[in-house]
Amino acid sequence: MKKQISLKDSVNLASTNFKSALPPGVAADRFVQICAAAALQNPGLENADRRSVLSAFMECAKDGLLPDGREATIVLRGKNAGYMPMVNGVLKRIRSCPGVLEVNASIVYSNELYERGVNDGGTTFRHEPIDFGDKGEPIGAYAFARTSDGGFHFESMDRAEIEKVKEMAMKDKKSGPWITWKFEMWKKTVIHRLNKRFKFDDLSDRVARRVEEAIDIETPPLPTPISQRLLDAVVPEAKEDAPQESEDVL
């Protein structure tokens, strides 16, 4: 009887392919280490469909995001794995775009000072977050970007608008990213609207489309399959009596 090698070993076998998919500026060895760590730290991934997990890691690599739970995360839908960018990952991609000086997104709470105005100089806003103490209830979210050509791009959505997107997106009212990552989804929704109005570059636009997919359905979509040749190379079958390698994190 044969059994599948560990996910960590599959990640190591696929490391060259992951590295070749990464955009400039992303440390290749670091990416592979984080994938291996994710494989070890999440038992659900080890038991998931191996091809879907490796494909999710590959999609992470193409977008230049680390599956570390901050820039991106690998989530499960049944036995299949999917890749979902997090807010920090989306902002990272936009910040790397030529001409972008600053970009950010934030939640506004009822006890915080928030003002927005429009004058001859364009849109202005003022937000004084409460870091400690009673913030009140979340009432909306905004995202903005400043560019080197003097541009200022701003989007805001109140709670009712965001809840409307949520209601259209959620099929399962008890689970999914809108439950697990509520305020991540609030920020992603307004960042997505900002990106629709001002496309930063092809890579950030692709990440934004992934965000749209995560917003529009209750669970992340299945990843795009990688080639059969790569799958055959990184998911070989090991003999039952083959010695097992160390499971230490790289």
Protein backbone atom coordinates (compact mmCIF):
# COMPACT_ATOMS: atom_id res chain seq x y z
CA MET A 1 0.00 0.00 0.00
CA LYS A 2 1.24 3.47 -0.89
CA LYS A 3 0.64 6.74 0.90
CA GLN A 4 1.00 10.39 -0.02
CA ILE A 5 4.06 12.27 1.16
CA SER A 6 3.58 15.11 3.66
CA LEU A 7 2.32 18.49 2.54
CA LYS A 8 5.50 20.10 3.80
CA ASP A 9 7.57 17.84 1.53
CA SER A 10 5.25 18.64 -1.38
CA VAL A 11 5.80 22.36 -0.72
CA ASN A 12 9.57 21.84 -0.78
CA LEU A 13 9.33 19.93 -4.06
CA ALA A 14 7.27 22.76 -5.54
CA SER A 15 9.55 25.53 -4.22
CA THR A 16 11.24 26.21 -7.58
CA ASN A 17 7.85 26.67 -9.25
CA PHE A 18 6.63 28.97 -6.49
CA LYS A 19 9.80 31.06 -6.73
CA SER A 20 9.48 31.44 -10.50
CA ALA A 21 5.89 32.70 -10.09
CA LEU A 22 6.73 35.41 -7.53
CA PRO A 23 6.85 39.04 -8.73
CA PRO A 24 10.01 41.11 -8.09
CA GLY A 25 10.51 42.32 -4.55
CA VAL A 26 9.18 39.24 -2.75
CA ALA A 27 11.80 37.11 -0.97
CA ALA A 28 11.50 33.66 -2.54
CA ASP A 29 13.02 31.66 0.33
CA ARG A 30 10.80 33.47 2.82
CA PHE A 31 7.72 32.63 0.78
CA VAL A 32 8.56 28.91 0.71
CA GLN A 33 9.31 28.89 4.44
CA ILE A 34 5.92 30.44 5.22
CA CYS A 35 4.12 27.94 2.98
CA ALA A 36 5.89 25.09 4.77
CA ALA A 37 5.03 26.58 8.15
CA ALA A 38 1.39 26.97 7.13
CA ALA A 39 1.34 23.32 6.07
CA LEU A 40 2.64 22.22 9.46
CA GLN A 41 0.57 24.56 11.61
CA ASN A 42 -2.80 23.84 10.01
CA PRO A 43 -3.74 20.12 10.23
CA GLY A 44 -6.74 20.78 8.02
CA LEU A 45 -4.47 21.58 5.08
CA GLU A 46 -2.63 18.27 5.46
CA ASN A 47 -5.95 16.43 5.13
CA ALA A 48 -7.31 18.60 2.31
CA ASP A 49 -7.09 17.81 -1.39
CA ARG A 50 -3.36 18.15 -2.05
CA ARG A 51 -3.71 19.63 -5.50
CA SER A 52 -6.03 22.38 -4.30
CA VAL A 53 -3.63 23.34 -1.48
CA LEU A 54 -0.62 23.58 -3.80
CA SER A 55 -2.70 25.49 -6.32
CA ALA A 56 -3.72 27.96 -3.58
CA PHE A 57 -0.07 28.48 -2.66
CA MET A 58 0.72 29.04 -6.34
CA GLU A 59 -1.98 31.71 -6.63
CA CYS A 60 -0.48 33.39 -3.54
CA ALA A 61 2.91 33.37 -5.25
CA LYS A 62 1.53 34.91 -8.46
CA ASP A 63 0.07 37.79 -6.45
CA GLY A 64 3.23 38.21 -4.37
CA LEU A 65 1.44 37.74 -1.04
CA LEU A 66 2.59 35.63 1.90
CA PRO A 67 0.06 33.05 3.22
CA ASP A 68 0.87 34.06 6.77
CA GLY A 69 -2.63 35.02 7.94
CA ARG A 70 -1.82 38.71 7.62
CA GLU A 71 -1.23 39.28 3.91
CA ALA A 72 -3.24 36.26 2.78
CA THR A 73 -4.72 33.08 4.16
CA ILE A 74 -5.48 29.59 2.90
CA VAL A 75 -9.02 28.55 3.79
CA LEU A 76 -10.94 25.34 3.36
CA ARG A 77 -14.26 24.65 1.68
CA GLY A 78 -14.89 21.03 2.44
CA LYS A 79 -11.79 19.15 1.31
CA ASN A 80 -10.69 21.89 -1.10
CA ALA A 81 -8.36 24.76 -0.26
CA GLY A 82 -8.72 28.31 -1.52
CA TYR A 83 -6.59 31.43 -1.29
CA MET A 84 -7.99 34.68 0.08
CA PRO A 85 -6.09 38.00 0.24
CA MET A 86 -6.35 39.85 3.53
CA VAL A 87 -6.59 43.65 3.86
CA ASN A 88 -2.86 43.99 4.56
CA GLY A 89 -2.09 42.02 1.42
CA VAL A 90 -4.34 44.11 -0.79
CA LEU A 91 -2.83 47.32 0.59
CA LYS A 92 0.67 45.89 0.12
CA ARG A 93 0.03 45.29 -3.57
CA ILE A 94 -1.42 48.76 -4.10
CA ARG A 95 1.48 50.41 -2.22
CA SER A 96 3.93 48.67 -4.55
CA CYS A 97 2.31 50.28 -7.61
CA PRO A 98 4.29 53.00 -9.38
CA GLY A 99 3.18 56.48 -8.38
CA VAL A 100 1.30 55.45 -5.22
CA LEU A 101 2.50 57.48 -2.24
CA GLU A 102 -0.01 56.34 0.36
CA VAL A 103 -3.01 54.05 0.62
CA ASN A 104 -5.04 52.90 3.59
CA ALA A 105 -8.46 51.80 4.81
CA SER A 106 -10.17 52.18 8.15
CA ILE A 107 -13.37 51.51 10.09
CA VAL A 108 -15.21 54.51 11.55
CA TYR A 109 -16.96 54.18 14.94
CA SER A 110 -19.84 56.28 16.25
CA ASN A 111 -17.84 57.98 19.03
CA GLU A 112 -15.00 59.02 16.73
CA LEU A 113 -14.66 62.33 14.92
CA TYR A 114 -15.19 61.90 11.19
CA GLU A 115 -15.70 64.71 8.68
CA ARG A 116 -15.65 64.76 4.90
CA GLY A 117 -15.80 67.76 2.64
CA VAL A 118 -15.46 68.78 -1.00
CA ASN A 119 -13.99 72.10 -2.12
CA ASP A 120 -12.08 73.57 -5.05
CA GLY A 121 -9.06 71.53 -4.03
CA GLY A 122 -11.01 68.28 -4.14
CA THR A 123 -12.07 65.87 -1.43
CA THR A 124 -10.88 66.38 2.14
CA PHE A 125 -11.56 64.26 5.20
CA ARG A 126 -10.71 64.15 8.87
CA HIS A 127 -10.81 61.09 11.07
CA GLU A 128 -9.65 60.97 14.69
CA PRO A 129 -9.67 57.29 15.75
CA ILE A 130 -10.14 56.29 19.37
CA ASP A 131 -7.35 53.85 20.17
CA PHE A 132 -8.42 53.24 23.76
CA GLY A 133 -11.79 53.54 25.45
CA ASP A 134 -15.34 53.35 24.12
CA LYS A 135 -15.28 53.65 20.33
CA GLY A 136 -19.02 53.13 19.99
CA GLU A 137 -20.62 51.11 17.21
CA PRO A 138 -19.03 50.64 13.76
CA ILE A 139 -20.86 52.98 11.36
CA GLY A 140 -18.87 52.76 8.14
CA ALA A 141 -15.53 52.40 6.39
CA TYR A 142 -13.37 54.38 3.99
CA ALA A 143 -10.31 53.88 1.81
CA PHE A 144 -8.05 56.44 0.17
CA ALA A 145 -4.93 56.70 -1.98
CA ARG A 146 -2.56 59.58 -2.72
CA THR A 147 -0.52 59.48 -5.94
CA SER A 148 2.66 61.21 -7.05
CA ASP A 149 0.79 63.26 -9.65
CA GLY A 150 -1.10 65.03 -6.86
CA GLY A 151 -4.16 62.84 -7.11
CA PHE A 152 -6.31 61.96 -4.11
CA HIS A 153 -8.74 59.07 -4.49
CA PHE A 154 -11.33 58.44 -1.80
CA GLU A 155 -14.23 56.07 -1.22
CA SER A 156 -16.52 55.68 1.79
CA MET A 157 -19.48 53.43 2.58
CA ASP A 158 -21.81 53.62 5.53
CA ARG A 159 -22.90 50.58 7.51
CA ALA A 160 -26.14 50.19 5.58
CA GLU A 161 -24.29 50.04 2.24
CA ILE A 162 -21.82 47.47 3.54
CA GLU A 163 -24.58 45.38 5.09
CA LYS A 164 -26.36 45.39 1.73
CA VAL A 165 -23.27 43.93 0.06
CA LYS A 166 -23.02 41.38 2.86
CA GLU A 167 -26.65 40.30 2.52
CA MET A 168 -26.28 39.78 -1.23
CA ALA A 169 -23.03 37.87 -0.72
CA MET A 170 -23.86 35.52 2.12
CA LYS A 171 -25.67 32.30 1.40
CA ASP A 172 -24.76 30.72 4.72
CA LYS A 173 -25.70 33.17 7.50
CA LYS A 174 -23.70 31.28 10.13
CA SER A 175 -20.26 30.88 8.54
CA GLY A 176 -17.92 32.30 5.91
CA PRO A 177 -15.53 35.27 5.71
CA TRP A 178 -18.25 37.79 6.64
CA ILE A 179 -18.52 36.00 9.99
CA THR A 180 -14.90 35.01 10.56
CA TRP A 181 -13.33 38.24 9.26
CA LYS A 182 -16.16 40.77 9.64
CA PHE A 183 -14.13 43.98 9.63
CA GLU A 184 -11.64 42.61 7.11
CA MET A 185 -14.61 42.28 4.77
CA TRP A 186 -15.80 45.80 5.60
CA LYS A 187 -12.40 47.18 4.58
CA LYS A 188 -12.11 44.92 1.56
CA THR A 189 -15.49 46.08 0.30
CA VAL A 190 -14.53 49.75 0.34
CA ILE A 191 -11.01 49.04 -1.02
CA HIS A 192 -12.61 47.14 -3.88
CA ARG A 193 -14.83 50.11 -4.68
CA LEU A 194 -11.79 52.41 -4.60
CA ASN A 195 -9.89 50.12 -6.96
CA LYS A 196 -12.83 50.02 -9.38
CA ARG A 197 -12.74 53.80 -9.64
CA PHE A 198 -8.96 54.00 -9.89
CA LYS A 199 -7.10 51.00 -11.29
CA PHE A 200 -3.57 51.09 -9.90
CA ASP A 201 -1.93 48.40 -12.07
CA ASP A 202 -2.63 44.93 -13.47
CA LEU A 203 -1.36 43.08 -10.39
CA SER A 204 -3.32 45.12 -7.87
CA ASP A 205 -6.35 44.81 -10.14
CA ARG A 206 -6.01 41.03 -10.12
CA VAL A 207 -5.81 41.00 -6.33
CA ALA A 208 -8.88 43.26 -6.21
CA ARG A 209 -10.77 40.80 -8.40
CA ARG A 210 -9.92 38.07 -5.92
CA VAL A 211 -11.34 40.32 -3.22
CA GLU A 212 -14.49 40.74 -5.29
CA GLU A 213 -14.79 36.96 -5.55
CA ALA A 214 -14.48 36.63 -1.78
CA ILE A 215 -17.07 39.37 -1.26
CA ASP A 216 -19.55 38.05 -3.78
CA ILE A 217 -19.79 34.51 -2.38
CA GLU A 218 -19.93 33.20 1.14
CA THR A 219 -16.66 31.25 0.85
CA PRO A 220 -13.54 31.87 -1.23
CA PRO A 221 -13.50 30.42 -4.75
CA LEU A 222 -11.53 27.34 -5.67
CA PRO A 223 -8.05 28.22 -6.94
CA THR A 224 -7.11 28.08 -10.61
CA PRO A 225 -5.58 24.63 -11.23
CA ILE A 226 -1.87 24.52 -11.90
CA SER A 227 -0.46 22.35 -14.68
CA GLN A 228 -0.73 18.57 -14.46
CA ARG A 229 3.03 18.30 -14.96
CA LEU A 230 3.67 20.40 -11.84
CA LEU A 231 1.05 18.48 -9.87
CA ASP A 232 2.63 15.15 -10.84
CA ALA A 233 6.06 16.49 -9.83
CA VAL A 234 5.07 17.84 -6.42
CA VAL A 235 2.61 15.14 -5.35
CA PRO A 236 4.53 11.90 -5.94
CA GLU A 237 3.42 8.82 -4.07
CA ALA A 238 5.75 7.44 -1.39
CA LYS A 239 6.09 3.78 -0.49
CA GLU A 240 4.66 2.65 2.81
CA ASP A 241 8.03 1.69 4.22
CA ALA A 242 9.84 4.84 3.07
CA PRO A 243 11.64 6.66 5.90
CA GLN A 244 9.86 9.78 7.14
CA GLU A 245 11.70 13.08 7.12
CA SER A 246 11.71 15.56 9.99
CA GLU A 247 8.56 17.67 10.37
CA ASP A 248 10.42 20.70 11.80
CA VAL A 249 9.46 24.10 10.41
CA LEU A 250 12.02 25.35 7.91
